[in-house]
Amino acid sequence: MDITTLPLVGALLHAAADLVTTLTAVLSPAGTLAPALAVVVLTVAVRVVLVPVSLLRVRAERDRRRIAPLVAALRERCGRDRERFSRELQALMTAEGVSPLAGCLPLLLQAPVVSLLYALFTHATIGGTTNALLQATLAGIPLGKSAVVVLTSPLWAHAWAVVVLLVLLAGIVELTRRADDRWNAPAAAAEGTPGAVVVRRVVPHVAVVFAALAPLAAALYVVTSAVWALGERIVLRRLVG
């Protein structure tokens, strides 16, 4: 079954295709770079809309730092009783007005956009109509091809482009992780466990794996979003204090 023929999915994909096509036309002076730039512009637009949500995240992080001494005292009081600690930590965060979900909101709200781009650049047809976006390229690589496909096909000669993107993403992810560790150090020390430390260091790099497996268009979104997120957090953290 072709999911693009479903009324809602087909309508969303058609709307997304029209938007990307329109942005590409506007950016046509950039030549063959126009489709890739259209994805970048779309990403920036989404991130601008999500700035208030990102601000909520930074404020939540600030509040977690504020209650870190209380959390440390709670951990000492509960000892090895993890169930009690979890229950009382939730009660403490509720009483202090600290949202445990605020940090996840930017990622959760972007997921539909990434999923839409993924679907848009992996279907030859949309509702029975040929998907012209699959003809778009960046440095000779179709935006519908993943880094893995490029590296294992005759397109490998153009692999430098996806390698640069993946290396850039890995660097940005690591810089962001280290900045987060410094900013959230008090809260992490109060609530953390050895397992949590490993999760904080490893999970962010899942984005690099996704970018390597996803269509180049989706990878462009992830890279652009990561660059934006790093700069945004630096600015917002200075404003929030």
Protein backbone atom coordinates (compact mmCIF):
# COMPACT_ATOMS: atom_id res chain seq x y z
CA MET A 1 0.00 0.00 0.00
CA ASP A 2 1.29 3.46 -0.97
CA ILE A 3 0.77 5.70 2.08
CA THR A 4 1.00 8.79 -0.14
CA THR A 5 -2.43 7.89 -1.54
CA LEU A 6 -4.02 8.26 1.91
CA PRO A 7 -6.03 11.51 2.01
CA LEU A 8 -4.29 13.16 4.99
CA VAL A 9 -0.77 11.93 4.21
CA GLY A 10 -1.11 12.78 0.53
CA ALA A 11 -2.38 16.28 1.33
CA LEU A 12 0.51 16.94 3.75
CA LEU A 13 3.09 15.68 1.28
CA HIS A 14 1.59 17.73 -1.56
CA ALA A 15 1.64 20.83 0.66
CA ALA A 16 5.25 20.16 1.68
CA ALA A 17 6.28 19.55 -1.94
CA ASP A 18 4.60 22.80 -3.03
CA LEU A 19 6.35 24.70 -0.24
CA VAL A 20 9.80 23.33 -1.08
CA THR A 21 9.18 23.92 -4.80
CA THR A 22 8.12 27.53 -4.15
CA LEU A 23 11.17 28.20 -1.98
CA THR A 24 13.37 26.64 -4.65
CA ALA A 25 11.88 28.96 -7.27
CA VAL A 26 12.48 31.99 -5.03
CA LEU A 27 16.07 30.88 -4.51
CA SER A 28 16.63 30.04 -8.19
CA PRO A 29 19.45 32.62 -8.53
CA ALA A 30 21.51 30.16 -6.48
CA GLY A 31 21.30 27.70 -9.37
CA THR A 32 21.64 24.01 -8.51
CA LEU A 33 22.01 24.90 -4.82
CA ALA A 34 18.47 26.26 -4.70
CA PRO A 35 16.69 23.02 -3.59
CA ALA A 36 19.20 22.42 -0.76
CA LEU A 37 18.95 26.08 0.28
CA ALA A 38 15.16 25.71 0.30
CA VAL A 39 15.49 22.93 2.90
CA VAL A 40 17.85 25.12 4.94
CA VAL A 41 15.42 28.08 4.80
CA LEU A 42 12.54 25.80 5.81
CA THR A 43 14.59 24.54 8.76
CA VAL A 44 15.41 28.06 9.94
CA ALA A 45 11.73 29.03 9.64
CA VAL A 46 10.72 26.08 11.83
CA ARG A 47 13.40 26.93 14.41
CA VAL A 48 12.30 30.57 14.53
CA VAL A 49 8.73 29.47 15.25
CA LEU A 50 10.03 27.20 18.03
CA VAL A 51 12.10 29.90 19.79
CA PRO A 52 9.46 30.33 22.57
CA VAL A 53 9.57 26.57 23.19
CA SER A 54 13.37 26.65 23.32
CA LEU A 55 13.13 29.48 25.83
CA LEU A 56 10.92 27.28 28.01
CA ARG A 57 13.56 24.58 27.82
CA VAL A 58 16.35 26.91 28.95
CA ARG A 59 14.21 28.21 31.81
CA ALA A 60 13.46 24.64 32.87
CA GLU A 61 17.20 23.88 32.86
CA ARG A 62 17.82 26.99 34.98
CA ASP A 63 15.18 25.86 37.46
CA ARG A 64 16.72 22.38 37.66
CA ARG A 65 20.03 24.00 38.53
CA ARG A 66 18.27 26.07 41.19
CA ILE A 67 16.78 23.05 42.95
CA ALA A 68 19.93 20.92 42.52
CA PRO A 69 20.90 21.23 46.24
CA LEU A 70 17.39 20.07 47.22
CA VAL A 71 17.65 17.11 44.86
CA ALA A 72 21.06 16.16 46.27
CA ALA A 73 19.66 16.25 49.80
CA LEU A 74 16.70 14.15 48.67
CA ARG A 75 18.99 11.55 47.09
CA GLU A 76 20.99 11.29 50.30
CA ARG A 77 17.81 10.93 52.36
CA CYS A 78 16.36 8.21 50.12
CA GLY A 79 19.59 6.25 49.85
CA ARG A 80 19.14 3.12 47.72
CA ASP A 81 15.36 3.38 47.63
CA ARG A 82 15.04 4.42 43.97
CA GLU A 83 11.26 4.17 43.92
CA ARG A 84 10.95 6.57 46.83
CA PHE A 85 13.52 8.92 45.29
CA SER A 86 11.67 8.96 41.98
CA ARG A 87 8.34 9.60 43.69
CA GLU A 88 9.66 12.38 45.92
CA LEU A 89 11.68 13.94 43.09
CA GLN A 90 8.51 14.23 41.02
CA ALA A 91 6.73 15.82 43.97
CA LEU A 92 9.61 18.26 44.48
CA MET A 93 9.67 19.30 40.82
CA THR A 94 5.90 19.79 40.83
CA ALA A 95 6.08 21.92 43.99
CA GLU A 96 8.89 24.04 42.53
CA GLY A 97 7.15 24.40 39.16
CA VAL A 98 9.90 22.60 37.23
CA SER A 99 8.73 20.76 34.12
CA PRO A 100 10.58 17.49 33.37
CA LEU A 101 9.23 17.54 29.79
CA ALA A 102 10.24 21.05 28.74
CA GLY A 103 13.65 19.84 27.56
CA CYS A 104 12.04 17.39 25.12
CA LEU A 105 9.58 19.79 23.50
CA PRO A 106 11.83 21.25 20.75
CA LEU A 107 12.78 17.75 19.59
CA LEU A 108 9.23 16.40 19.80
CA LEU A 109 7.78 19.34 17.86
CA GLN A 110 10.38 19.00 15.10
CA ALA A 111 9.82 15.27 14.67
CA PRO A 112 6.78 15.69 12.37
CA VAL A 113 8.72 18.06 10.10
CA VAL A 114 11.69 15.69 9.82
CA SER A 115 9.31 12.78 9.19
CA LEU A 116 7.59 14.77 6.45
CA LEU A 117 10.88 15.61 4.75
CA TYR A 118 11.95 11.97 5.05
CA ALA A 119 8.75 10.82 3.34
CA LEU A 120 8.90 13.61 0.77
CA PHE A 121 12.34 12.54 -0.45
CA THR A 122 11.81 8.78 -0.34
CA HIS A 123 8.70 8.42 -2.54
CA ALA A 124 8.94 8.40 -6.33
CA THR A 125 5.30 9.46 -6.56
CA ILE A 126 2.97 11.41 -4.30
CA GLY A 127 -0.66 10.48 -4.71
CA GLY A 128 0.07 9.12 -8.17
CA THR A 129 2.01 12.20 -9.31
CA THR A 130 5.73 11.96 -10.11
CA ASN A 131 7.83 13.49 -7.34
CA ALA A 132 9.97 16.03 -9.20
CA LEU A 133 11.91 16.90 -6.03
CA LEU A 134 13.85 13.66 -6.36
CA GLN A 135 15.67 15.25 -9.31
CA ALA A 136 17.13 17.93 -7.04
CA THR A 137 20.81 17.54 -6.13
CA LEU A 138 23.54 18.94 -3.91
CA ALA A 139 27.11 18.61 -5.18
CA GLY A 140 25.92 15.97 -7.62
CA ILE A 141 24.07 13.94 -4.96
CA PRO A 142 20.27 13.56 -5.23
CA LEU A 143 18.56 14.94 -2.12
CA GLY A 144 16.71 11.63 -1.86
CA LYS A 145 19.89 9.58 -1.39
CA SER A 146 21.41 8.85 2.01
CA ALA A 147 25.09 9.04 2.92
CA VAL A 148 25.23 5.25 3.19
CA VAL A 149 23.83 4.85 -0.34
CA VAL A 150 26.23 7.46 -1.70
CA LEU A 151 29.26 5.76 -0.14
CA THR A 152 28.27 2.33 -1.45
CA SER A 153 27.27 3.28 -5.00
CA PRO A 154 28.79 4.90 -8.10
CA LEU A 155 27.97 8.22 -6.44
CA TRP A 156 30.93 7.69 -4.09
CA ALA A 157 32.94 10.22 -6.12
CA HIS A 158 30.67 12.90 -4.65
CA ALA A 159 30.84 11.45 -1.14
CA TRP A 160 32.97 14.34 0.12
CA ALA A 161 29.81 16.45 0.41
CA VAL A 162 27.99 14.05 2.76
CA VAL A 163 31.20 13.35 4.68
CA VAL A 164 31.62 17.08 5.33
CA LEU A 165 28.02 17.29 6.52
CA LEU A 166 28.38 14.33 8.86
CA VAL A 167 31.68 15.58 10.29
CA LEU A 168 30.15 19.02 10.79
CA LEU A 169 27.14 17.48 12.53
CA ALA A 170 29.33 15.31 14.78
CA GLY A 171 31.34 18.39 15.78
CA ILE A 172 28.26 20.49 16.49
CA VAL A 173 26.64 17.68 18.49
CA GLU A 174 29.77 17.27 20.62
CA LEU A 175 30.10 21.03 21.20
CA THR A 176 26.43 21.16 22.18
CA ARG A 177 26.81 18.18 24.52
CA ARG A 178 29.78 19.75 26.29
CA ALA A 179 28.01 23.09 26.59
CA ASP A 180 24.96 21.31 28.02
CA ASP A 181 27.14 19.41 30.50
CA ARG A 182 28.70 22.66 31.73
CA TRP A 183 25.37 24.48 31.97
CA ASN A 184 23.53 21.58 33.60
CA ALA A 185 26.43 20.36 35.78
CA PRO A 186 24.78 21.09 39.17
CA ALA A 187 21.50 19.39 38.22
CA ALA A 188 23.28 16.45 36.58
CA ALA A 189 25.44 15.92 39.66
CA ALA A 190 22.38 15.98 41.91
CA GLU A 191 20.25 13.64 39.84
CA GLY A 192 22.80 11.67 37.84
CA THR A 193 23.90 8.06 37.98
CA PRO A 194 26.75 6.36 36.06
CA GLY A 195 24.17 5.10 33.56
CA ALA A 196 22.75 8.58 33.10
CA VAL A 197 26.22 9.94 32.35
CA VAL A 198 26.68 7.39 29.57
CA VAL A 199 23.26 8.23 28.14
CA ARG A 200 24.05 11.96 28.11
CA ARG A 201 27.28 11.31 26.22
CA VAL A 202 26.02 8.76 23.71
CA VAL A 203 22.40 9.63 22.89
CA PRO A 204 23.11 13.04 21.25
CA HIS A 205 25.29 11.29 18.64
CA VAL A 206 22.31 9.22 17.48
CA ALA A 207 21.57 12.29 15.32
CA VAL A 208 24.72 11.54 13.30
CA VAL A 209 23.60 7.95 12.68
CA PHE A 210 20.16 9.18 11.59
CA ALA A 211 21.71 11.75 9.24
CA ALA A 212 23.84 9.02 7.64
CA LEU A 213 20.81 6.80 7.02
CA ALA A 214 18.24 9.45 6.09
CA PRO A 215 17.79 11.15 2.70
CA LEU A 216 20.23 14.02 2.18
CA ALA A 217 17.34 16.52 2.48
CA ALA A 218 16.50 15.25 5.99
CA ALA A 219 20.20 15.23 6.88
CA LEU A 220 20.42 18.89 5.80
CA TYR A 221 17.52 19.66 8.12
CA VAL A 222 19.22 17.92 11.05
CA VAL A 223 22.57 19.68 10.44
CA THR A 224 20.98 23.11 10.05
CA SER A 225 18.83 22.58 13.13
CA ALA A 226 21.85 21.48 15.16
CA VAL A 227 23.84 24.58 14.17
CA TRP A 228 20.86 26.79 15.02
CA ALA A 229 20.29 25.03 18.35
CA LEU A 230 23.89 25.58 19.48
CA GLY A 231 23.80 29.30 18.75
CA GLU A 232 20.29 29.66 20.15
CA ARG A 233 21.18 28.03 23.47
CA ILE A 234 24.23 30.26 23.89
CA VAL A 235 22.09 33.36 23.39
CA LEU A 236 19.11 32.23 25.48
CA ARG A 237 21.24 31.04 28.37
CA ARG A 238 22.90 34.44 28.57
CA LEU A 239 19.49 36.12 28.55
CA VAL A 240 17.95 33.79 31.14
CA GLY A 241 21.04 33.72 33.36
